[in-house]
Amino acid sequence: MVEQPCISHRYWTVTAANNYKDTVNLPRTKFDMRANAAKREPELQKFWANHQIYETLSQNNPGEAFILHDGPPYANGSLHMGHALNKILKDIINKYQLLQGRKGRYVPGWDCHGLPIELKVLQNMSAKEREGLTPLKLRQKARDFALKTVEEQRESFKRFGVWGDWDNPYLTLRPEYEAAQIAVFGQMVLKGYIYRGLKSVHWSPSSKTALAEAELEYPEGHTSQSIYAAFKMKKLSKAAAALKPYLETLWVAIWTTTPWTIPANLAVAVNPDLEYAVVEADPDYEPANAKYLLVAAEAVERLSATLGTPLTVKAKIKGKI
C-alpha cells in the first residue's frame, strides 16, 4: 500500500497499488451489470406474449372477476407523461388483482370523436386545403387520423408493459358501439331522464367551435368585471296577480360576475325560498321604461347604497307562490 496525501482535505487516504478484484470472492450470476432496458424490456414483453401470461391468468385464476372500467384516451396524437401515469397506475392495480388470484380482464379503448381530434386534423392542413373542406370531408379525415393514432398509441402502451386485451379494444367510432350508445340513450328517454332546455354555450372564435366548461382557460391574473342588469317582466302567473299594477314597467334586477353570458340569457331564475320586493327608484334616477325593479327583499338596502338612490318598497312576494 502507498499512502498519499489528499490535497483538498486535511486527512490521509489509502489507495491500492494492486488490483484486488481477483482476490474478492464474489458470486457469479447471469445478470448483467447494466439493466440495458432498451434491449431487455422488449425481450421480456415478447416472453409474456409468447407464453400468454396475461391471457392465462385472466381466464384461469380461481378467484372472482375483477373489472376496471377505464376511461379512454383521445386518439389525437402521440403519448405523453399524462398517458403513462394514467395507464401504468391502472396496470399496477390490474396486475395486483391477478396476483391475488382474481380473473382480471382489462379491455382498452379509445375516444375517437370530438374537438381534440378535429383540431389535430385542421392543424395538419393548409389554409387552401381548409377552404374546400366540408363537414363530411372533415369527419372522414378525422376518422382516418383517429384510426392511425389508435395503432400508434396501442404499440406505445404495449411498450409501457401494460397488460390487456389489445387485439380487441373498443373504439367509439365503431357502428356497434354507437348503436349501443343510442340504445342506452333511448332507455334514458323512456325513463324520463332526458329533457330539452336552454343554456349558454361557450364559443371559441379561433377554433370556430363550441367549448365545454372544462375547456375554458383564462389568462393568469384575469378578473372579470361584474355588472348590474335588468330583465323586463313579460307576464305574471295567477298567483302573482298582486304585482299586476306594476307589470307595465316592472323589471327584474340581477348582478353577475360573468357578464359574457348576458347575450345568451333568456330568463331569470328566482329562489323559491326567498322573499322578493318590488321597489320604486327615485324618479330622477329611473332608467327608461323601468319604474319598478324586482329584487331580493334582504338586498334592497345594499342595492340602494350601490346605486346611490333611495329605493321604496311597494310590494313583497315569495319566490315560490
Protein backbone atom coordinates (compact mmCIF):
# COMPACT_ATOMS: atom_id res chain seq x y z
CA MET A 1 0.00 0.00 0.00
CA VAL A 2 1.05 3.54 -0.66
CA GLU A 3 -0.01 6.47 1.47
CA GLN A 4 -0.85 9.63 -0.45
CA PRO A 5 -1.85 13.00 0.93
CA CYS A 6 -5.19 14.34 -0.25
CA ILE A 7 -4.64 17.96 -1.25
CA SER A 8 -8.25 19.08 -0.91
CA HIS A 9 -8.74 17.79 2.67
CA ARG A 10 -6.64 17.61 5.81
CA TYR A 11 -6.53 13.85 6.20
CA TRP A 12 -4.74 10.88 4.63
CA THR A 13 -6.26 8.38 2.21
CA VAL A 14 -5.11 4.85 1.46
CA THR A 15 -5.06 3.74 -2.18
CA ALA A 16 -4.43 0.26 -3.55
CA ALA A 17 -1.30 -0.17 -5.57
CA ASN A 18 -2.54 -3.56 -6.82
CA ASN A 19 -5.84 -4.76 -8.36
CA TYR A 20 -7.97 -6.54 -5.74
CA LYS A 21 -10.78 -7.81 -7.96
CA ASP A 22 -9.23 -11.24 -8.30
CA THR A 23 -8.88 -11.59 -4.52
CA VAL A 24 -12.52 -10.82 -3.67
CA ASN A 25 -14.85 -13.82 -3.60
CA LEU A 26 -17.98 -12.54 -5.43
CA PRO A 27 -20.90 -14.66 -6.69
CA ARG A 28 -21.10 -15.25 -10.41
CA THR A 29 -24.56 -14.82 -11.99
CA LYS A 30 -26.13 -14.45 -15.42
CA PHE A 31 -27.42 -10.98 -14.50
CA ASP A 32 -25.87 -8.17 -16.45
CA MET A 33 -24.20 -5.36 -14.59
CA ARG A 34 -26.35 -2.91 -16.56
CA ALA A 35 -30.14 -3.00 -16.83
CA ASN A 36 -29.98 -2.46 -20.61
CA ALA A 37 -33.73 -1.78 -20.59
CA ALA A 38 -33.95 -0.84 -24.26
CA LYS A 39 -32.96 -4.41 -25.13
CA ARG A 40 -34.24 -6.41 -22.18
CA GLU A 41 -37.76 -4.98 -21.84
CA PRO A 42 -38.87 -5.96 -25.39
CA GLU A 43 -37.48 -9.45 -24.75
CA LEU A 44 -39.47 -9.72 -21.51
CA GLN A 45 -42.66 -8.45 -23.18
CA LYS A 46 -42.15 -10.93 -26.02
CA PHE A 47 -41.85 -13.71 -23.43
CA TRP A 48 -45.16 -12.59 -21.86
CA ALA A 49 -46.84 -12.60 -25.27
CA ASN A 50 -45.43 -15.94 -26.43
CA HIS A 51 -46.47 -17.69 -23.22
CA GLN A 52 -49.78 -15.79 -22.99
CA ILE A 53 -49.16 -14.90 -19.36
CA TYR A 54 -51.95 -12.31 -19.18
CA GLU A 55 -54.47 -14.46 -21.05
CA THR A 56 -53.76 -17.49 -18.85
CA LEU A 57 -54.03 -15.61 -15.56
CA SER A 58 -57.11 -13.58 -16.54
CA GLN A 59 -59.02 -16.71 -17.63
CA ASN A 60 -57.74 -19.47 -15.32
CA ASN A 61 -57.28 -17.72 -11.98
CA PRO A 62 -59.59 -19.31 -9.37
CA GLY A 63 -60.86 -16.04 -7.86
CA GLU A 64 -63.85 -13.94 -8.90
CA ALA A 65 -63.72 -11.48 -11.79
CA PHE A 66 -62.16 -8.06 -11.36
CA ILE A 67 -63.29 -5.37 -13.80
CA LEU A 68 -61.75 -1.91 -14.10
CA HIS A 69 -63.78 0.45 -16.28
CA ASP A 70 -61.11 2.55 -17.94
CA GLY A 71 -61.87 6.00 -19.32
CA PRO A 72 -60.43 6.01 -22.84
CA PRO A 73 -57.76 8.43 -24.05
CA TYR A 74 -58.35 10.63 -27.09
CA ALA A 75 -56.91 9.26 -30.33
CA ASN A 76 -55.36 12.62 -31.14
CA GLY A 77 -51.58 12.28 -31.05
CA SER A 78 -48.51 10.73 -29.50
CA LEU A 79 -48.47 9.60 -25.90
CA HIS A 80 -47.06 11.84 -23.17
CA MET A 81 -46.33 11.57 -19.44
CA GLY A 82 -50.01 12.01 -18.60
CA HIS A 83 -50.85 8.88 -20.58
CA ALA A 84 -48.00 6.98 -18.90
CA LEU A 85 -49.09 7.96 -15.39
CA ASN A 86 -52.72 7.04 -16.11
CA LYS A 87 -52.14 3.68 -17.77
CA ILE A 88 -49.27 2.44 -15.59
CA LEU A 89 -51.13 3.15 -12.33
CA LYS A 90 -54.15 1.25 -13.64
CA ASP A 91 -51.88 -1.58 -14.82
CA ILE A 92 -50.44 -1.87 -11.31
CA ILE A 93 -53.98 -2.34 -9.96
CA ASN A 94 -54.83 -4.96 -12.60
CA LYS A 95 -51.63 -6.93 -12.06
CA TYR A 96 -52.10 -6.81 -8.29
CA GLN A 97 -55.58 -8.32 -8.69
CA LEU A 98 -54.16 -11.04 -10.95
CA LEU A 99 -51.51 -11.83 -8.33
CA GLN A 100 -54.32 -12.12 -5.76
CA GLY A 101 -55.82 -14.89 -7.88
CA ARG A 102 -58.69 -12.94 -9.41
CA LYS A 103 -59.77 -13.02 -13.05
CA GLY A 104 -58.74 -9.51 -14.01
CA ARG A 105 -59.59 -8.54 -17.58
CA TYR A 106 -58.62 -5.16 -18.96
CA VAL A 107 -60.26 -4.02 -22.21
CA PRO A 108 -58.55 -0.88 -23.54
CA GLY A 109 -60.42 1.67 -25.61
CA TRP A 110 -60.16 5.00 -27.41
CA ASP A 111 -62.37 8.06 -27.71
CA CYS A 112 -62.43 8.70 -31.45
CA HIS A 113 -64.75 11.73 -31.54
CA GLY A 114 -64.59 15.37 -30.66
CA LEU A 115 -62.74 18.63 -30.93
CA PRO A 116 -59.23 17.39 -29.94
CA ILE A 117 -59.12 15.11 -32.97
CA GLU A 118 -60.67 17.67 -35.33
CA LEU A 119 -58.15 20.31 -34.22
CA LYS A 120 -55.23 17.98 -34.93
CA VAL A 121 -56.59 17.31 -38.41
CA LEU A 122 -57.06 21.02 -39.12
CA GLN A 123 -53.58 21.86 -37.82
CA ASN A 124 -52.10 19.49 -40.41
CA MET A 125 -53.94 21.18 -43.28
CA SER A 126 -53.01 24.33 -45.15
CA ALA A 127 -55.34 27.32 -45.39
CA LYS A 128 -56.04 26.42 -49.03
CA GLU A 129 -57.00 22.86 -48.11
CA ARG A 130 -59.39 24.13 -45.45
CA GLU A 131 -61.28 26.29 -47.96
CA GLY A 132 -62.79 23.28 -49.72
CA LEU A 133 -63.39 21.33 -46.51
CA THR A 134 -66.96 20.20 -45.91
CA PRO A 135 -68.30 18.65 -42.66
CA LEU A 136 -68.37 15.21 -44.30
CA LYS A 137 -64.78 15.52 -45.56
CA LEU A 138 -63.64 16.66 -42.12
CA ARG A 139 -65.32 13.68 -40.46
CA GLN A 140 -63.64 11.27 -42.89
CA LYS A 141 -60.23 12.84 -42.32
CA ALA A 142 -60.82 12.77 -38.56
CA ARG A 143 -61.78 9.08 -38.74
CA ASP A 144 -58.64 8.18 -40.72
CA PHE A 145 -56.47 10.18 -38.34
CA ALA A 146 -58.07 8.58 -35.27
CA LEU A 147 -57.61 5.02 -36.55
CA LYS A 148 -53.96 5.72 -37.42
CA THR A 149 -53.37 7.22 -33.97
CA VAL A 150 -55.02 4.25 -32.25
CA GLU A 151 -52.46 1.92 -33.82
CA GLU A 152 -49.56 4.15 -32.79
CA GLN A 153 -50.81 4.56 -29.23
CA ARG A 154 -51.58 0.85 -28.88
CA GLU A 155 -47.98 -0.10 -29.68
CA SER A 156 -46.71 2.53 -27.26
CA PHE A 157 -48.96 1.27 -24.47
CA LYS A 158 -47.67 -2.25 -25.07
CA ARG A 159 -44.14 -0.85 -24.83
CA PHE A 160 -45.08 0.58 -21.44
CA GLY A 161 -45.60 -3.04 -20.37
CA VAL A 162 -49.34 -2.65 -19.85
CA TRP A 163 -51.29 -5.92 -19.95
CA GLY A 164 -54.66 -6.02 -21.67
CA ASP A 165 -56.79 -7.38 -24.49
CA TRP A 166 -55.02 -5.20 -27.08
CA ASP A 167 -56.35 -7.17 -30.04
CA ASN A 168 -59.98 -6.37 -29.15
CA PRO A 169 -60.23 -2.78 -27.96
CA TYR A 170 -63.42 -0.73 -28.02
CA LEU A 171 -63.47 2.29 -30.33
CA THR A 172 -66.23 4.88 -30.05
CA LEU A 173 -66.43 5.28 -33.84
CA ARG A 174 -67.42 1.68 -34.48
CA PRO A 175 -71.08 1.30 -35.57
CA GLU A 176 -71.81 -1.34 -32.93
CA TYR A 177 -70.51 0.98 -30.18
CA GLU A 178 -72.57 3.90 -31.48
CA ALA A 179 -75.64 1.65 -31.74
CA ALA A 180 -75.21 0.60 -28.10
CA GLN A 181 -74.97 4.27 -27.09
CA ILE A 182 -78.20 5.08 -28.92
CA ALA A 183 -79.92 2.12 -27.23
CA VAL A 184 -78.87 3.36 -23.78
CA PHE A 185 -79.93 6.89 -24.68
CA GLY A 186 -83.30 5.55 -25.78
CA GLN A 187 -83.78 3.86 -22.40
CA MET A 188 -82.95 7.15 -20.67
CA VAL A 189 -85.55 8.95 -22.80
CA LEU A 190 -88.22 6.36 -22.00
CA LYS A 191 -87.49 6.72 -18.28
CA GLY A 192 -87.84 10.49 -18.47
CA TYR A 193 -84.20 11.34 -17.73
CA ILE A 194 -83.72 13.42 -20.89
CA TYR A 195 -85.23 16.85 -21.32
CA ARG A 196 -84.75 19.75 -23.68
CA GLY A 197 -83.70 23.08 -22.23
CA LEU A 198 -81.69 26.22 -22.84
CA LYS A 199 -78.23 27.13 -21.59
CA SER A 200 -75.38 29.38 -22.63
CA VAL A 201 -72.76 27.71 -24.81
CA HIS A 202 -69.16 28.93 -24.88
CA TRP A 203 -67.75 29.63 -28.34
CA SER A 204 -64.14 29.67 -29.48
CA PRO A 205 -63.57 32.22 -32.29
CA SER A 206 -60.14 30.76 -33.09
CA SER A 207 -61.27 27.11 -33.29
CA LYS A 208 -64.72 28.06 -34.62
CA THR A 209 -66.44 25.56 -32.37
CA ALA A 210 -68.37 25.27 -29.12
CA LEU A 211 -66.39 24.65 -25.93
CA ALA A 212 -67.18 22.64 -22.84
CA GLU A 213 -66.88 24.28 -19.42
CA ALA A 214 -63.69 22.30 -18.69
CA GLU A 215 -62.04 23.59 -21.88
CA LEU A 216 -62.16 27.24 -20.85
CA GLU A 217 -58.86 28.85 -19.95
CA TYR A 218 -58.43 32.35 -18.56
CA PRO A 219 -55.24 34.46 -18.59
CA GLU A 220 -53.37 34.38 -15.30
CA GLY A 221 -54.48 37.25 -13.09
CA HIS A 222 -57.67 37.86 -15.09
CA THR A 223 -60.58 39.37 -13.16
CA SER A 224 -63.95 39.71 -14.86
CA GLN A 225 -65.96 42.88 -14.30
CA SER A 226 -69.26 42.43 -12.51
CA ILE A 227 -72.35 44.22 -13.80
CA TYR A 228 -75.90 45.04 -12.77
CA ALA A 229 -78.63 44.46 -15.36
CA ALA A 230 -82.42 44.21 -15.54
CA PHE A 231 -84.79 41.98 -17.49
CA LYS A 232 -88.30 43.05 -18.49
CA MET A 233 -91.12 41.13 -16.81
CA LYS A 234 -93.31 39.74 -19.61
CA LYS A 235 -96.31 38.33 -17.76
CA LEU A 236 -97.47 37.19 -14.35
CA SER A 237 -98.89 33.92 -13.10
CA LYS A 238 -102.31 33.93 -11.44
CA ALA A 239 -100.64 33.52 -8.05
CA ALA A 240 -98.64 36.71 -8.65
CA ALA A 241 -101.68 38.82 -9.56
CA ALA A 242 -100.84 41.24 -6.73
CA LEU A 243 -97.98 42.59 -8.88
CA LYS A 244 -100.24 43.41 -11.84
CA PRO A 245 -100.32 47.20 -11.13
CA TYR A 246 -96.54 47.29 -11.66
CA LEU A 247 -96.28 44.93 -14.65
CA GLU A 248 -96.01 47.51 -17.44
CA THR A 249 -92.80 48.98 -16.05
CA LEU A 250 -91.57 46.08 -13.89
CA TRP A 251 -88.05 44.72 -14.48
CA VAL A 252 -86.11 42.00 -12.65
CA ALA A 253 -82.74 43.24 -11.36
CA ILE A 254 -79.69 40.95 -11.45
CA TRP A 255 -75.99 41.12 -10.59
CA THR A 256 -73.46 38.85 -12.30
CA THR A 257 -69.72 38.25 -12.29
CA THR A 258 -69.95 36.55 -15.70
CA PRO A 259 -71.08 39.39 -17.97
CA TRP A 260 -70.19 37.46 -21.13
CA THR A 261 -73.24 35.25 -20.52
CA ILE A 262 -75.69 38.17 -20.80
CA PRO A 263 -76.17 37.97 -24.62
CA ALA A 264 -77.37 34.36 -24.24
CA ASN A 265 -79.66 34.98 -21.25
CA LEU A 266 -83.34 34.39 -21.98
CA ALA A 267 -84.73 34.28 -18.45
CA VAL A 268 -84.02 34.91 -14.77
CA ALA A 269 -84.43 32.25 -12.09
CA VAL A 270 -85.61 33.12 -8.59
CA ASN A 271 -85.03 31.31 -5.32
CA PRO A 272 -88.34 29.73 -4.19
CA ASP A 273 -87.41 30.19 -0.51
CA LEU A 274 -86.54 33.91 -0.69
CA GLU A 275 -88.84 36.89 -0.34
CA TYR A 276 -88.72 39.45 -3.17
CA ALA A 277 -89.66 43.11 -3.15
CA VAL A 278 -90.99 45.43 -5.85
CA VAL A 279 -89.10 48.70 -5.35
CA GLU A 280 -89.54 52.12 -6.89
CA ALA A 281 -86.45 54.16 -7.63
CA ASP A 282 -86.06 57.92 -7.33
CA PRO A 283 -87.84 59.48 -10.37
CA ASP A 284 -84.65 61.30 -11.37
CA TYR A 285 -82.72 58.02 -11.43
CA GLU A 286 -85.19 55.78 -13.26
CA PRO A 287 -83.89 54.26 -16.50
CA ALA A 288 -86.25 54.39 -19.46
CA ASN A 289 -89.36 52.20 -19.04
CA ALA A 290 -88.07 50.70 -15.77
CA LYS A 291 -90.02 52.43 -13.00
CA TYR A 292 -90.13 49.33 -10.77
CA LEU A 293 -87.49 46.67 -10.01
CA LEU A 294 -87.99 43.22 -8.53
CA VAL A 295 -85.11 42.39 -6.15
CA ALA A 296 -84.47 40.12 -3.17
CA ALA A 297 -86.03 41.83 -0.12
CA GLU A 298 -82.90 41.44 2.00
CA ALA A 299 -80.78 43.09 -0.73
CA VAL A 300 -82.83 46.29 -1.04
CA GLU A 301 -80.65 48.36 1.30
CA ARG A 302 -77.40 47.20 -0.27
CA LEU A 303 -78.68 47.83 -3.78
CA SER A 304 -79.86 51.30 -2.74
CA ALA A 305 -76.37 52.10 -1.40
CA THR A 306 -74.70 50.70 -4.52
CA LEU A 307 -76.92 52.67 -6.91
CA GLY A 308 -76.77 55.77 -4.74
CA THR A 309 -80.52 56.35 -4.80
CA PRO A 310 -83.33 55.53 -2.35
CA LEU A 311 -85.48 52.51 -3.19
CA THR A 312 -89.06 52.48 -1.91
CA VAL A 313 -90.64 49.06 -1.29
CA LYS A 314 -94.07 48.91 -2.93
CA ALA A 315 -94.91 45.21 -2.54
CA LYS A 316 -93.45 41.87 -1.45
CA ILE A 317 -93.86 38.35 -2.79
CA LYS A 318 -92.32 34.90 -2.19
CA GLY A 319 -90.15 33.29 -4.87
CA LYS A 320 -92.46 30.27 -4.84
CA ILE A 321 -96.14 31.16 -4.86
